[in-house]
């Protein structure tokens, strides 16, 4: 009996997903709101350094090692104001 119930549950979830009825958040999450506040604090030049297209290879090219060893694009913390630094932390 348990097997039948879980099978029906799987069918219901797939049907909801296929029909677009899957439960999705409608309001921005706290992370989305924080990211928006951070991006709004940047100058146009800083924003150009900070934002990459989703399809860009640079989006996946980051590490915590020093930039001297691994050059990368982006806005450094040193280049941010204290307000921008505060907004960059969720």
PDB file of N, CA and C in Angstrom:
ATOM      1  N   UNK A   1       0.826  -1.202   0.000  1.00  0.00           N
ATOM      2  CA  UNK A   1       0.000   0.000   0.000  1.00  0.00           C
ATOM      3  C   UNK A   1       0.863   1.256   0.000  1.00  0.00           C
ATOM      4  N   UNK A   2       1.965   1.225   0.752  1.00  0.00           N
ATOM      5  CA  UNK A   2       2.852   2.367   0.823  1.00  0.00           C
ATOM      6  C   UNK A   2       3.454   2.670  -0.543  1.00  0.00           C
ATOM      7  N   UNK A   3       3.785   1.653  -1.291  1.00  0.00           N
ATOM      8  CA  UNK A   3       4.390   1.806  -2.616  1.00  0.00           C
ATOM      9  C   UNK A   3       3.420   2.513  -3.562  1.00  0.00           C
ATOM     10  N   UNK A   4       2.155   2.159  -3.519  1.00  0.00           N
ATOM     11  CA  UNK A   4       1.160   2.783  -4.382  1.00  0.00           C
ATOM     12  C   UNK A   4       1.018   4.268  -4.041  1.00  0.00           C
ATOM     13  N   UNK A   5       1.012   4.600  -2.771  1.00  0.00           N
ATOM     14  CA  UNK A   5       0.864   5.993  -2.347  1.00  0.00           C
ATOM     15  C   UNK A   5       2.028   6.838  -2.847  1.00  0.00           C
ATOM     16  N   UNK A   6       3.254   6.347  -2.704  1.00  0.00           N
ATOM     17  CA  UNK A   6       4.403   7.130  -3.158  1.00  0.00           C
ATOM     18  C   UNK A   6       4.426   7.237  -4.677  1.00  0.00           C
ATOM     19  N   UNK A   7       3.939   6.223  -5.383  1.00  0.00           N
ATOM     20  CA  UNK A   7       3.861   6.298  -6.839  1.00  0.00           C
ATOM     21  C   UNK A   7       2.876   7.368  -7.264  1.00  0.00           C
ATOM     22  N   UNK A   8       1.726   7.413  -6.607  1.00  0.00           N
ATOM     23  CA  UNK A   8       0.730   8.433  -6.931  1.00  0.00           C
ATOM     24  C   UNK A   8       1.249   9.827  -6.595  1.00  0.00           C
ATOM     25  N   UNK A   9       2.005   9.931  -5.513  1.00  0.00           N
ATOM     26  CA  UNK A   9       2.578  11.217  -5.141  1.00  0.00           C
ATOM     27  C   UNK A   9       3.560  11.679  -6.220  1.00  0.00           C
ATOM     28  N   UNK A  10       4.381  10.779  -6.720  1.00  0.00           N
ATOM     29  CA  UNK A  10       5.339  11.119  -7.778  1.00  0.00           C
ATOM     30  C   UNK A  10       4.608  11.557  -9.040  1.00  0.00           C
ATOM     31  N   UNK A  11       3.534  10.864  -9.397  1.00  0.00           N
ATOM     32  CA  UNK A  11       2.748  11.217 -10.573  1.00  0.00           C
ATOM     33  C   UNK A  11       2.128  12.604 -10.395  1.00  0.00           C
ATOM     34  N   UNK A  12       1.615  12.887  -9.208  1.00  0.00           N
ATOM     35  CA  UNK A  12       1.000  14.190  -8.946  1.00  0.00           C
ATOM     36  C   UNK A  12       2.021  15.315  -9.047  1.00  0.00           C
ATOM     37  N   UNK A  13       3.218  15.109  -8.499  1.00  0.00           N
ATOM     38  CA  UNK A  13       4.261  16.135  -8.558  1.00  0.00           C
ATOM     39  C   UNK A  13       4.682  16.382  -9.998  1.00  0.00           C
ATOM     40  N   UNK A  14       4.875  15.310 -10.769  1.00  0.00           N
ATOM     41  CA  UNK A  14       5.260  15.464 -12.172  1.00  0.00           C
ATOM     42  C   UNK A  14       4.170  16.179 -12.963  1.00  0.00           C
ATOM     43  N   UNK A  15       2.910  15.853 -12.692  1.00  0.00           N
ATOM     44  CA  UNK A  15       1.809  16.498 -13.405  1.00  0.00           C
ATOM     45  C   UNK A  15       1.746  17.988 -13.066  1.00  0.00           C
ATOM     46  N   UNK A  16       1.946  18.324 -11.801  1.00  0.00           N
ATOM     47  CA  UNK A  16       1.936  19.731 -11.396  1.00  0.00           C
ATOM     48  C   UNK A  16       3.090  20.482 -12.051  1.00  0.00           C
ATOM     49  N   UNK A  17       4.261  19.867 -12.087  1.00  0.00           N
ATOM     50  CA  UNK A  17       5.419  20.515 -12.700  1.00  0.00           C
ATOM     51  C   UNK A  17       5.200  20.717 -14.189  1.00  0.00           C
ATOM     52  N   UNK A  18       4.683  19.717 -14.852  1.00  0.00           N
ATOM     53  CA  UNK A  18       4.461  19.804 -16.292  1.00  0.00           C
ATOM     54  C   UNK A  18       3.406  20.856 -16.637  1.00  0.00           C
ATOM     55  N   UNK A  19       2.430  21.023 -15.770  1.00  0.00           N
ATOM     56  CA  UNK A  19       1.364  21.978 -16.050  1.00  0.00           C
ATOM     57  C   UNK A  19       1.682  23.387 -15.553  1.00  0.00           C
ATOM     58  N   UNK A  20       2.845  23.557 -14.916  1.00  0.00           N
ATOM     59  CA  UNK A  20       3.211  24.880 -14.419  1.00  0.00           C
ATOM     60  C   UNK A  20       2.594  25.211 -13.074  1.00  0.00           C
ATOM     61  N   UNK A  21       2.028  24.227 -12.411  1.00  0.00           N
ATOM     62  CA  UNK A  21       1.386  24.469 -11.125  1.00  0.00           C
ATOM     63  C   UNK A  21       2.298  24.180  -9.939  1.00  0.00           C
ATOM     64  N   UNK A  22       3.570  23.938 -10.211  1.00  0.00           N
ATOM     65  CA  UNK A  22       4.500  23.663  -9.124  1.00  0.00           C
ATOM     66  C   UNK A  22       4.545  24.869  -8.186  1.00  0.00           C
ATOM     67  N   UNK A  23       4.720  24.603  -6.940  1.00  0.00           N
ATOM     68  CA  UNK A  23       4.739  25.672  -5.948  1.00  0.00           C
ATOM     69  C   UNK A  23       6.079  26.392  -6.026  1.00  0.00           C
ATOM     70  N   UNK A  24       6.039  27.672  -6.383  1.00  0.00           N
ATOM     71  CA  UNK A  24       7.224  28.504  -6.471  1.00  0.00           C
ATOM     72  C   UNK A  24       7.005  29.745  -5.626  1.00  0.00           C
ATOM     73  N   UNK A  25       8.055  30.254  -4.998  1.00  0.00           N
ATOM     74  CA  UNK A  25       7.871  31.471  -4.212  1.00  0.00           C
ATOM     75  C   UNK A  25       7.504  32.639  -5.115  1.00  0.00           C
ATOM     76  N   UNK A  26       6.557  33.428  -4.684  1.00  0.00           N
ATOM     77  CA  UNK A  26       6.131  34.572  -5.490  1.00  0.00           C
ATOM     78  C   UNK A  26       6.804  35.858  -5.031  1.00  0.00           C
ATOM     79  N   UNK A  27       7.192  35.926  -3.779  1.00  0.00           N
ATOM     80  CA  UNK A  27       7.859  37.113  -3.261  1.00  0.00           C
ATOM     81  C   UNK A  27       9.368  36.887  -3.298  1.00  0.00           C
ATOM     82  N   UNK A  28      10.137  37.970  -3.485  1.00  0.00           N
ATOM     83  CA  UNK A  28      11.594  37.812  -3.488  1.00  0.00           C
ATOM     84  C   UNK A  28      12.078  37.247  -2.157  1.00  0.00           C
ATOM     85  N   UNK A  29      13.046  36.385  -2.231  1.00  0.00           N
ATOM     86  CA  UNK A  29      13.616  35.828  -1.012  1.00  0.00           C
ATOM     87  C   UNK A  29      14.549  36.855  -0.383  1.00  0.00           C
ATOM     88  N   UNK A  30      14.971  36.598   0.822  1.00  0.00           N
ATOM     89  CA  UNK A  30      15.891  37.512   1.500  1.00  0.00           C
ATOM     90  C   UNK A  30      17.191  37.643   0.710  1.00  0.00           C
ATOM     91  N   UNK A  31      17.646  36.554   0.117  1.00  0.00           N
ATOM     92  CA  UNK A  31      18.886  36.602  -0.657  1.00  0.00           C
ATOM     93  C   UNK A  31      18.722  37.472  -1.899  1.00  0.00           C
ATOM     94  N   UNK A  32      17.588  37.353  -2.574  1.00  0.00           N
ATOM     95  CA  UNK A  32      17.332  38.178  -3.755  1.00  0.00           C
ATOM     96  C   UNK A  32      17.268  39.647  -3.372  1.00  0.00           C
ATOM     97  N   UNK A  33      16.602  39.945  -2.281  1.00  0.00           N
ATOM     98  CA  UNK A  33      16.490  41.326  -1.826  1.00  0.00           C
ATOM     99  C   UNK A  33      17.863  41.887  -1.462  1.00  0.00           C
ATOM    100  N   UNK A  34      18.697  41.088  -0.789  1.00  0.00           N
ATOM    101  CA  UNK A  34      20.039  41.546  -0.407  1.00  0.00           C
ATOM    102  C   UNK A  34      20.893  41.780  -1.650  1.00  0.00           C
ATOM    103  N   UNK A  35      20.820  40.893  -2.615  1.00  0.00           N
ATOM    104  CA  UNK A  35      21.596  41.061  -3.851  1.00  0.00           C
ATOM    105  C   UNK A  35      21.153  42.307  -4.599  1.00  0.00           C
ATOM    106  N   UNK A  36      19.861  42.561  -4.626  1.00  0.00           N
ATOM    107  CA  UNK A  36      19.334  43.749  -5.294  1.00  0.00           C
ATOM    108  C   UNK A  36      19.830  45.024  -4.610  1.00  0.00           C
ATOM    109  N   UNK A  37      19.796  45.044  -3.274  1.00  0.00           N
ATOM    110  CA  UNK A  37      20.292  46.216  -2.531  1.00  0.00           C
ATOM    111  C   UNK A  37      21.774  46.445  -2.807  1.00  0.00           C
ATOM    112  N   UNK A  38      22.550  45.371  -2.847  1.00  0.00           N
ATOM    113  CA  UNK A  38      23.983  45.488  -3.141  1.00  0.00           C
ATOM    114  C   UNK A  38      24.201  46.058  -4.541  1.00  0.00           C
ATOM    115  N   UNK A  39      23.541  45.481  -5.541  1.00  0.00           N
ATOM    116  CA  UNK A  39      23.724  45.947  -6.920  1.00  0.00           C
ATOM    117  C   UNK A  39      23.289  47.397  -7.092  1.00  0.00           C
ATOM    118  N   UNK A  40      22.248  47.806  -6.386  1.00  0.00           N
ATOM    119  CA  UNK A  40      21.780  49.188  -6.467  1.00  0.00           C
ATOM    120  C   UNK A  40      22.787  50.170  -5.867  1.00  0.00           C
ATOM    121  N   UNK A  41      23.663  49.701  -4.980  1.00  0.00           N
ATOM    122  CA  UNK A  41      24.649  50.580  -4.346  1.00  0.00           C
ATOM    123  C   UNK A  41      25.876  50.820  -5.229  1.00  0.00           C
ATOM    124  N   UNK A  42      26.029  50.056  -6.293  1.00  0.00           N
ATOM    125  CA  UNK A  42      27.215  50.159  -7.144  1.00  0.00           C
ATOM    126  C   UNK A  42      27.090  51.280  -8.168  1.00  0.00           C
ATOM    127  N   UNK A  43      28.230  51.859  -8.505  1.00  0.00           N
ATOM    128  CA  UNK A  43      28.270  52.828  -9.600  1.00  0.00           C
ATOM    129  C   UNK A  43      28.146  52.052 -10.910  1.00  0.00           C
ATOM    130  N   UNK A  44      27.829  52.710 -12.007  1.00  0.00           N
ATOM    131  CA  UNK A  44      27.753  51.985 -13.284  1.00  0.00           C
ATOM    132  C   UNK A  44      29.052  51.252 -13.634  1.00  0.00           C
ATOM    133  N   UNK A  45      30.205  51.858 -13.312  1.00  0.00           N
ATOM    134  CA  UNK A  45      31.488  51.209 -13.597  1.00  0.00           C
ATOM    135  C   UNK A  45      31.682  49.967 -12.732  1.00  0.00           C
ATOM    136  N   UNK A  46      31.322  50.060 -11.453  1.00  0.00           N
ATOM    137  CA  UNK A  46      31.448  48.908 -10.550  1.00  0.00           C
ATOM    138  C   UNK A  46      30.489  47.794 -10.954  1.00  0.00           C
ATOM    139  N   UNK A  47      29.316  48.188 -11.368  1.00  0.00           N
ATOM    140  CA  UNK A  47      28.335  47.177 -11.774  1.00  0.00           C
ATOM    141  C   UNK A  47      28.819  46.424 -13.013  1.00  0.00           C
ATOM    142  N   UNK A  48      29.450  47.131 -13.943  1.00  0.00           N
ATOM    143  CA  UNK A  48      29.995  46.482 -15.139  1.00  0.00           C
ATOM    144  C   UNK A  48      31.063  45.465 -14.762  1.00  0.00           C
ATOM    145  N   UNK A  49      31.822  45.747 -13.689  1.00  0.00           N
ATOM    146  CA  UNK A  49      32.829  44.804 -13.221  1.00  0.00           C
ATOM    147  C   UNK A  49      32.213  43.621 -12.487  1.00  0.00           C
ATOM    148  N   UNK A  50      31.052  43.818 -11.893  1.00  0.00           N
ATOM    149  CA  UNK A  50      30.463  42.834 -10.985  1.00  0.00           C
ATOM    150  C   UNK A  50      29.493  41.859 -11.622  1.00  0.00           C
ATOM    151  N   UNK A  51      28.866  42.251 -12.709  1.00  0.00           N
ATOM    152  CA  UNK A  51      27.778  41.450 -13.277  1.00  0.00           C
ATOM    153  C   UNK A  51      28.246  40.773 -14.557  1.00  0.00           C
ATOM    154  N   UNK A  52      28.025  39.470 -14.626  1.00  0.00           N
ATOM    155  CA  UNK A  52      28.378  38.686 -15.810  1.00  0.00           C
ATOM    156  C   UNK A  52      27.114  38.015 -16.347  1.00  0.00           C
ATOM    157  N   UNK A  53      27.051  37.818 -17.654  1.00  0.00           N
ATOM    158  CA  UNK A  53      25.905  37.051 -18.189  1.00  0.00           C
ATOM    159  C   UNK A  53      25.893  35.639 -17.592  1.00  0.00           C
ATOM    160  N   UNK A  54      24.737  35.093 -17.416  1.00  0.00           N
ATOM    161  CA  UNK A  54      24.612  33.768 -16.824  1.00  0.00           C
ATOM    162  C   UNK A  54      25.401  32.732 -17.622  1.00  0.00           C
ATOM    163  N   UNK A  55      25.449  32.881 -18.934  1.00  0.00           N
ATOM    164  CA  UNK A  55      26.121  31.908 -19.791  1.00  0.00           C
ATOM    165  C   UNK A  55      27.636  32.107 -19.835  1.00  0.00           C
ATOM    166  N   UNK A  56      28.155  33.190 -19.276  1.00  0.00           N
ATOM    167  CA  UNK A  56      29.582  33.506 -19.368  1.00  0.00           C
ATOM    168  C   UNK A  56      30.432  32.507 -18.588  1.00  0.00           C
ATOM    169  N   UNK A  57      31.579  32.165 -19.152  1.00  0.00           N
ATOM    170  CA  UNK A  57      32.512  31.272 -18.469  1.00  0.00           C
ATOM    171  C   UNK A  57      33.052  31.904 -17.192  1.00  0.00           C
ATOM    172  N   UNK A  58      33.177  33.228 -17.176  1.00  0.00           N
ATOM    173  CA  UNK A  58      33.701  33.925 -15.998  1.00  0.00           C
ATOM    174  C   UNK A  58      32.837  33.725 -14.763  1.00  0.00           C
ATOM    175  N   UNK A  59      31.584  33.423 -14.954  1.00  0.00           N
ATOM    176  CA  UNK A  59      30.679  33.206 -13.823  1.00  0.00           C
ATOM    177  C   UNK A  59      31.161  32.045 -12.950  1.00  0.00           C
ATOM    178  N   UNK A  60      31.781  31.056 -13.560  1.00  0.00           N
ATOM    179  CA  UNK A  60      32.233  29.873 -12.834  1.00  0.00           C
ATOM    180  C   UNK A  60      33.728  29.924 -12.499  1.00  0.00           C
ATOM    181  N   UNK A  61      34.401  30.996 -12.865  1.00  0.00           N
ATOM    182  CA  UNK A  61      35.852  31.095 -12.684  1.00  0.00           C
ATOM    183  C   UNK A  61      36.174  31.976 -11.484  1.00  0.00           C
ATOM    184  N   UNK A  62      36.157  31.406 -10.304  1.00  0.00           N
ATOM    185  CA  UNK A  62      36.517  32.148  -9.105  1.00  0.00           C
ATOM    186  C   UNK A  62      37.112  31.182  -8.086  1.00  0.00           C
ATOM    187  N   UNK A  63      37.986  31.719  -7.265  1.00  0.00           N
ATOM    188  CA  UNK A  63      38.636  30.944  -6.205  1.00  0.00           C
ATOM    189  C   UNK A  63      38.962  31.887  -5.065  1.00  0.00           C
ATOM    190  N   UNK A  64      39.320  31.318  -3.933  1.00  0.00           N
ATOM    191  CA  UNK A  64      39.702  32.122  -2.784  1.00  0.00           C
ATOM    192  C   UNK A  64      41.211  32.323  -2.705  1.00  0.00           C
ATOM    193  N   UNK A  65      41.939  31.875  -3.703  1.00  0.00           N
ATOM    194  CA  UNK A  65      43.387  32.054  -3.676  1.00  0.00           C
ATOM    195  C   UNK A  65      43.731  33.468  -4.144  1.00  0.00           C
ATOM    196  N   UNK A  66      44.922  33.981  -3.786  1.00  0.00           N
ATOM    197  CA  UNK A  66      45.280  35.367  -4.141  1.00  0.00           C
ATOM    198  C   UNK A  66      45.223  35.619  -5.643  1.00  0.00           C
ATOM    199  N   UNK A  67      44.824  36.837  -5.987  1.00  0.00           N
ATOM    200  CA  UNK A  67      44.684  37.189  -7.405  1.00  0.00           C
ATOM    201  C   UNK A  67      46.013  37.165  -8.141  1.00  0.00           C
ATOM    202  N   UNK A  68      47.128  37.294  -7.419  1.00  0.00           N
ATOM    203  CA  UNK A  68      48.436  37.209  -8.072  1.00  0.00           C
ATOM    204  C   UNK A  68      48.660  35.820  -8.664  1.00  0.00           C
ATOM    205  N   UNK A  69      48.100  34.803  -8.021  1.00  0.00           N
ATOM    206  CA  UNK A  69      48.253  33.426  -8.490  1.00  0.00           C
ATOM    207  C   UNK A  69      47.159  33.030  -9.485  1.00  0.00           C
ATOM    208  N   UNK A  70      46.033  33.687  -9.395  1.00  0.00           N
ATOM    209  CA  UNK A  70      44.868  33.315 -10.212  1.00  0.00           C
ATOM    210  C   UNK A  70      44.123  34.586 -10.608  1.00  0.00           C
ATOM    211  N   UNK A  71      44.580  35.281 -11.668  1.00  0.00           N
ATOM    212  CA  UNK A  71      43.902  36.517 -12.076  1.00  0.00           C
ATOM    213  C   UNK A  71      42.421  36.266 -12.395  1.00  0.00           C
ATOM    214  N   UNK A  72      41.581  37.156 -11.955  1.00  0.00           N
ATOM    215  CA  UNK A  72      40.149  37.019 -12.223  1.00  0.00           C
ATOM    216  C   UNK A  72      39.527  38.396 -12.378  1.00  0.00           C
ATOM    217  N   UNK A  73      38.369  38.407 -12.992  1.00  0.00           N
ATOM    218  CA  UNK A  73      37.632  39.651 -13.178  1.00  0.00           C
ATOM    219  C   UNK A  73      36.733  39.869 -11.974  1.00  0.00           C
ATOM    220  N   UNK A  74      36.235  41.065 -11.857  1.00  0.00           N
ATOM    221  CA  UNK A  74      35.290  41.342 -10.794  1.00  0.00           C
ATOM    222  C   UNK A  74      35.697  42.536  -9.962  1.00  0.00           C
ATOM    223  N   UNK A  75      34.834  42.902  -9.048  1.00  0.00           N
ATOM    224  CA  UNK A  75      35.037  44.038  -8.161  1.00  0.00           C
ATOM    225  C   UNK A  75      35.625  43.517  -6.856  1.00  0.00           C
ATOM    226  N   UNK A  76      36.763  44.055  -6.446  1.00  0.00           N
ATOM    227  CA  UNK A  76      37.372  43.608  -5.200  1.00  0.00           C
ATOM    228  C   UNK A  76      36.775  44.353  -4.015  1.00  0.00           C
ATOM    229  N   UNK A  77      36.923  43.786  -2.845  1.00  0.00           N
ATOM    230  CA  UNK A  77      36.424  44.418  -1.626  1.00  0.00           C
ATOM    231  C   UNK A  77      37.131  45.748  -1.401  1.00  0.00           C
ATOM    232  N   UNK A  78      38.420  45.821  -1.755  1.00  0.00           N
ATOM    233  CA  UNK A  78      39.177  47.065  -1.594  1.00  0.00           C
ATOM    234  C   UNK A  78      38.565  48.208  -2.400  1.00  0.00           C
ATOM    235  N   UNK A  79      37.915  47.886  -3.504  1.00  0.00           N
ATOM    236  CA  UNK A  79      37.331  48.907  -4.378  1.00  0.00           C
ATOM    237  C   UNK A  79      35.938  49.358  -3.929  1.00  0.00           C
ATOM    238  N   UNK A  80      35.366  48.711  -2.929  1.00  0.00           N
ATOM    239  CA  UNK A  80      34.016  49.020  -2.456  1.00  0.00           C
ATOM    240  C   UNK A  80      34.053  50.028  -1.315  1.00  0.00           C
ATOM    241  N   UNK A  81      32.975  50.796  -1.214  1.00  0.00           N
ATOM    242  CA  UNK A  81      32.811  51.683  -0.060  1.00  0.00           C
ATOM    243  C   UNK A  81      32.379  50.841   1.137  1.00  0.00           C
ATOM    244  N   UNK A  82      32.405  51.427   2.318  1.00  0.00           N
ATOM    245  CA  UNK A  82      31.986  50.677   3.514  1.00  0.00           C
ATOM    246  C   UNK A  82      30.515  50.275   3.415  1.00  0.00           C
ATOM    247  N   UNK A  83      29.682  51.126   2.818  1.00  0.00           N
ATOM    248  CA  UNK A  83      28.258  50.780   2.633  1.00  0.00           C
ATOM    249  C   UNK A  83      28.114  49.596   1.684  1.00  0.00           C
ATOM    250  N   UNK A  84      28.877  49.615   0.602  1.00  0.00           N
ATOM    251  CA  UNK A  84      28.813  48.505  -0.359  1.00  0.00           C
ATOM    252  C   UNK A  84      29.305  47.211   0.274  1.00  0.00           C
ATOM    253  N   UNK A  85      30.354  47.290   1.083  1.00  0.00           N
ATOM    254  CA  UNK A  85      30.852  46.091   1.763  1.00  0.00           C
ATOM    255  C   UNK A  85      29.781  45.519   2.682  1.00  0.00           C
ATOM    256  N   UNK A  86      29.104  46.416   3.407  1.00  0.00           N
ATOM    257  CA  UNK A  86      28.044  45.964   4.321  1.00  0.00           C
ATOM    258  C   UNK A  86      26.907  45.318   3.540  1.00  0.00           C
ATOM    259  N   UNK A  87      26.574  45.866   2.387  1.00  0.00           N
ATOM    260  CA  UNK A  87      25.493  45.309   1.576  1.00  0.00           C
ATOM    261  C   UNK A  87      25.891  44.011   0.890  1.00  0.00           C
ATOM    262  N   UNK A  88      27.199  43.771   0.737  1.00  0.00           N
ATOM    263  CA  UNK A  88      27.628  42.548   0.069  1.00  0.00           C
ATOM    264  C   UNK A  88      27.545  41.337   0.977  1.00  0.00           C
ATOM    265  N   UNK A  89      27.298  41.557   2.266  1.00  0.00           N
ATOM    266  CA  UNK A  89      27.176  40.475   3.232  1.00  0.00           C
ATOM    267  C   UNK A  89      25.710  40.320   3.573  1.00  0.00           C
ATOM    268  N   UNK A  90      25.166  39.144   3.348  1.00  0.00           N
ATOM    269  CA  UNK A  90      23.736  38.913   3.636  1.00  0.00           C
ATOM    270  C   UNK A  90      23.448  38.916   5.107  1.00  0.00           C
TER     271      UNK A  90
END
